[in-house]
Amino acid sequence: MKKSSFLYKAFDLYYEGFRSMTLGKTLWTVIIIKLIIIFVVIKLFFFPNYISANAEEGHEADFVSQEVMSRTPTE
């Protein structure tokens, strides 16, 4: 890749920026830990797998279609 190309310049900007930061590395670590907590831990406790708990094995699509049709308001 040529050193004058846009992609090289963009990569070099981020590479040099992350390499030289001190407080930023700690902040990025905190952000990543918070994202793991949000997407993994909270999902496990607050969003159980409703379909696998209530549908028969191999008939999940039928279960979903019946649930959607039963919850659709009719005019």
C-alpha atoms as a PDB file:
ATOM      1  CA  MET A   1       0.000   0.000   0.000  1.00  0.00           C
ATOM      2  CA  LYS A   2       1.333   3.434  -0.881  1.00  0.00           C
ATOM      3  CA  LYS A   3       2.087   5.755   1.991  1.00  0.00           C
ATOM      4  CA  SER A   4       0.175   8.532   0.257  1.00  0.00           C
ATOM      5  CA  SER A   5      -3.127   6.609   0.015  1.00  0.00           C
ATOM      6  CA  PHE A   6      -6.096   7.572   2.154  1.00  0.00           C
ATOM      7  CA  LEU A   7      -6.396   4.149   3.795  1.00  0.00           C
ATOM      8  CA  TYR A   8      -2.762   4.167   4.871  1.00  0.00           C
ATOM      9  CA  LYS A   9      -3.078   7.671   6.302  1.00  0.00           C
ATOM     10  CA  ALA A  10      -6.253   6.759   8.191  1.00  0.00           C
ATOM     11  CA  PHE A  11      -4.692   3.574   9.574  1.00  0.00           C
ATOM     12  CA  ASP A  12      -1.530   5.427  10.560  1.00  0.00           C
ATOM     13  CA  LEU A  13      -3.572   8.113  12.328  1.00  0.00           C
ATOM     14  CA  TYR A  14      -5.408   5.575  14.499  1.00  0.00           C
ATOM     15  CA  TYR A  15      -2.336   3.381  15.025  1.00  0.00           C
ATOM     16  CA  GLU A  16      -0.185   6.258  16.231  1.00  0.00           C
ATOM     17  CA  GLY A  17      -3.031   7.662  18.304  1.00  0.00           C
ATOM     18  CA  PHE A  18      -3.731   4.420  20.152  1.00  0.00           C
ATOM     19  CA  ARG A  19      -0.050   3.651  20.599  1.00  0.00           C
ATOM     20  CA  SER A  20       0.719   6.961  22.261  1.00  0.00           C
ATOM     21  CA  MET A  21      -2.325   7.285  24.504  1.00  0.00           C
ATOM     22  CA  THR A  22      -2.078   6.526  28.204  1.00  0.00           C
ATOM     23  CA  LEU A  23      -5.394   7.424  29.815  1.00  0.00           C
ATOM     24  CA  GLY A  24      -7.272   6.442  26.670  1.00  0.00           C
ATOM     25  CA  LYS A  25      -6.273   2.781  26.983  1.00  0.00           C
ATOM     26  CA  THR A  26      -7.834   2.656  30.430  1.00  0.00           C
ATOM     27  CA  LEU A  27     -10.989   4.337  29.154  1.00  0.00           C
ATOM     28  CA  TRP A  28     -11.272   1.906  26.234  1.00  0.00           C
ATOM     29  CA  THR A  29     -10.879  -0.988  28.686  1.00  0.00           C
ATOM     30  CA  VAL A  30     -13.731   0.385  30.793  1.00  0.00           C
ATOM     31  CA  ILE A  31     -15.900   0.827  27.686  1.00  0.00           C
ATOM     32  CA  ILE A  32     -15.266  -2.751  26.526  1.00  0.00           C
ATOM     33  CA  ILE A  33     -16.036  -4.155  29.976  1.00  0.00           C
ATOM     34  CA  LYS A  34     -19.290  -2.173  30.111  1.00  0.00           C
ATOM     35  CA  LEU A  35     -20.304  -3.443  26.661  1.00  0.00           C
ATOM     36  CA  ILE A  36     -19.630  -7.022  27.727  1.00  0.00           C
ATOM     37  CA  ILE A  37     -21.793  -6.495  30.798  1.00  0.00           C
ATOM     38  CA  ILE A  38     -24.583  -4.923  28.786  1.00  0.00           C
ATOM     39  CA  PHE A  39     -24.708  -7.430  25.928  1.00  0.00           C
ATOM     40  CA  VAL A  40     -23.806 -10.665  27.724  1.00  0.00           C
ATOM     41  CA  VAL A  41     -24.797 -10.512  31.365  1.00  0.00           C
ATOM     42  CA  ILE A  42     -28.002  -8.516  31.016  1.00  0.00           C
ATOM     43  CA  LYS A  43     -29.140 -10.630  28.068  1.00  0.00           C
ATOM     44  CA  LEU A  44     -28.708 -13.815  30.075  1.00  0.00           C
ATOM     45  CA  PHE A  45     -30.802 -12.564  32.993  1.00  0.00           C
ATOM     46  CA  PHE A  46     -33.477 -10.419  31.344  1.00  0.00           C
ATOM     47  CA  PHE A  47     -34.036 -12.000  27.919  1.00  0.00           C
ATOM     48  CA  PRO A  48     -34.588 -15.748  28.261  1.00  0.00           C
ATOM     49  CA  ASN A  49     -34.988 -17.893  25.151  1.00  0.00           C
ATOM     50  CA  TYR A  50     -38.802 -17.923  25.012  1.00  0.00           C
ATOM     51  CA  ILE A  51     -39.075 -19.884  21.767  1.00  0.00           C
ATOM     52  CA  SER A  52     -36.926 -22.834  22.811  1.00  0.00           C
ATOM     53  CA  ALA A  53     -38.715 -22.994  26.162  1.00  0.00           C
ATOM     54  CA  ASN A  54     -42.227 -23.053  24.658  1.00  0.00           C
ATOM     55  CA  ALA A  55     -41.921 -24.540  21.171  1.00  0.00           C
ATOM     56  CA  GLU A  56     -41.465 -28.184  20.257  1.00  0.00           C
ATOM     57  CA  GLU A  57     -38.143 -29.266  18.807  1.00  0.00           C
ATOM     58  CA  GLY A  58     -38.159 -28.684  15.043  1.00  0.00           C
ATOM     59  CA  HIS A  59     -41.425 -26.689  15.035  1.00  0.00           C
ATOM     60  CA  GLU A  60     -40.103 -23.304  16.087  1.00  0.00           C
ATOM     61  CA  ALA A  61     -41.214 -21.567  12.881  1.00  0.00           C
ATOM     62  CA  ASP A  62     -44.785 -22.825  13.336  1.00  0.00           C
ATOM     63  CA  PHE A  63     -44.781 -21.591  16.936  1.00  0.00           C
ATOM     64  CA  VAL A  64     -43.603 -18.126  15.902  1.00  0.00           C
ATOM     65  CA  SER A  65     -46.171 -17.839  13.125  1.00  0.00           C
ATOM     66  CA  GLN A  66     -48.994 -18.906  15.466  1.00  0.00           C
ATOM     67  CA  GLU A  67     -47.885 -16.374  18.084  1.00  0.00           C
ATOM     68  CA  VAL A  68     -47.681 -13.565  15.525  1.00  0.00           C
ATOM     69  CA  MET A  69     -51.090 -14.397  14.090  1.00  0.00           C
ATOM     70  CA  SER A  70     -52.724 -14.655  17.514  1.00  0.00           C
ATOM     71  CA  ARG A  71     -51.335 -11.259  18.584  1.00  0.00           C
ATOM     72  CA  THR A  72     -52.254  -9.446  15.379  1.00  0.00           C
ATOM     73  CA  PRO A  73     -55.276  -7.203  15.905  1.00  0.00           C
ATOM     74  CA  THR A  74     -58.159  -7.872  13.547  1.00  0.00           C
ATOM     75  CA  GLU A  75     -60.346  -5.165  12.135  1.00  0.00           C
END
